[in-house]
Amino acid sequence: MGAVLEFPQGPPRYASAGRRLKRWREQRGVAIETLAAAIHAPPEVIRRVEAGRSRLDSAQLAAATAALHLPLWALVSDTPAY
């Protein structure tokens, strides 16, 4: 029987940013497809980010915070920046 290969993991900071994105998206009741449309990307991009395998670029990050009605710090840090 063959070995099962796992998906490659991104850097640990990708995982924490992905967890923040998922937490806020779910809290706001926003579907993956809706958020993906807001950042002009396919839903798979959101899934990869939330799984910690990818990250959003600065334009996508700005669009995601606008779509989720969040300040920028909410997706990049757990510490409020105010």
Protein backbone atom coordinates (compact mmCIF):
# COMPACT_ATOMS: atom_id res chain seq x y z
CA MET A 1 0.00 0.00 0.00
CA GLY A 2 1.35 3.47 -0.89
CA ALA A 3 2.07 6.31 1.47
CA VAL A 4 -0.35 9.21 1.77
CA LEU A 5 1.23 12.52 0.91
CA GLU A 6 0.13 15.57 2.85
CA PHE A 7 -0.40 19.02 1.41
CA PRO A 8 2.67 21.18 1.88
CA GLN A 9 2.29 23.65 4.70
CA GLY A 10 3.12 27.32 4.36
CA PRO A 11 5.01 29.30 6.97
CA PRO A 12 3.37 29.35 10.45
CA ARG A 13 2.37 33.01 10.02
CA TYR A 14 0.19 31.95 7.08
CA ALA A 15 -1.69 29.56 9.36
CA SER A 16 -2.46 32.22 11.98
CA ALA A 17 -3.59 34.72 9.35
CA GLY A 18 -5.77 32.03 7.76
CA ARG A 19 -7.36 31.21 11.12
CA ARG A 20 -8.13 34.90 11.66
CA LEU A 21 -9.70 35.19 8.21
CA LYS A 22 -11.86 32.10 8.77
CA ARG A 23 -12.92 33.22 12.26
CA TRP A 24 -13.97 36.69 11.06
CA ARG A 25 -15.63 35.35 7.90
CA GLU A 26 -17.70 32.88 9.90
CA GLN A 27 -18.52 35.48 12.60
CA ARG A 28 -19.78 37.84 9.92
CA GLY A 29 -21.75 35.06 8.20
CA VAL A 30 -19.97 35.55 4.87
CA ALA A 31 -19.76 32.56 2.53
CA ILE A 32 -16.43 31.60 0.98
CA GLU A 33 -17.85 32.30 -2.49
CA THR A 34 -19.00 35.78 -1.47
CA LEU A 35 -15.61 36.69 0.00
CA ALA A 36 -13.84 35.25 -3.04
CA ALA A 37 -15.95 37.42 -5.34
CA ALA A 38 -15.13 40.48 -3.22
CA ILE A 39 -11.39 39.92 -3.65
CA HIS A 40 -11.75 38.95 -7.34
CA ALA A 41 -10.37 35.45 -6.87
CA PRO A 42 -11.72 31.90 -7.11
CA PRO A 43 -13.10 30.33 -3.88
CA GLU A 44 -10.12 27.96 -3.79
CA VAL A 45 -7.90 30.94 -2.91
CA ILE A 46 -9.92 31.55 0.26
CA ARG A 47 -9.81 27.84 1.12
CA ARG A 48 -6.00 27.75 0.72
CA VAL A 49 -5.57 30.90 2.82
CA GLU A 50 -7.83 29.58 5.58
CA ALA A 51 -5.90 26.28 5.56
CA GLY A 52 -2.61 28.16 5.96
CA ARG A 53 -1.25 27.08 2.58
CA SER A 54 -1.32 30.52 0.96
CA ARG A 55 -1.71 34.21 1.76
CA LEU A 56 -3.56 37.21 0.40
CA ASP A 57 -1.64 39.96 -1.38
CA SER A 58 -2.09 43.55 -0.20
CA ALA A 59 -4.93 44.33 -2.63
CA GLN A 60 -6.79 41.15 -1.67
CA LEU A 61 -6.25 41.88 2.01
CA ALA A 62 -7.70 45.38 1.61
CA ALA A 63 -10.70 43.97 -0.30
CA ALA A 64 -11.25 41.25 2.32
CA THR A 65 -11.23 43.72 5.21
CA ALA A 66 -13.69 45.95 3.33
CA ALA A 67 -15.98 42.99 2.54
CA LEU A 68 -15.91 41.85 6.17
CA HIS A 69 -16.28 45.41 7.52
CA LEU A 70 -13.07 45.13 9.53
CA PRO A 71 -10.07 47.33 10.21
CA LEU A 72 -6.88 46.04 8.61
CA TRP A 73 -5.31 45.00 11.93
CA ALA A 74 -8.07 42.43 12.50
CA LEU A 75 -6.68 40.14 9.80
CA VAL A 76 -2.99 40.70 10.45
CA SER A 77 -2.82 40.69 14.25
CA ASP A 78 -4.71 39.54 17.32
CA THR A 79 -3.80 42.80 19.05
CA PRO A 80 -6.07 45.79 18.31
CA ALA A 81 -4.15 48.67 16.78
CA TYR A 82 -5.91 51.66 18.24
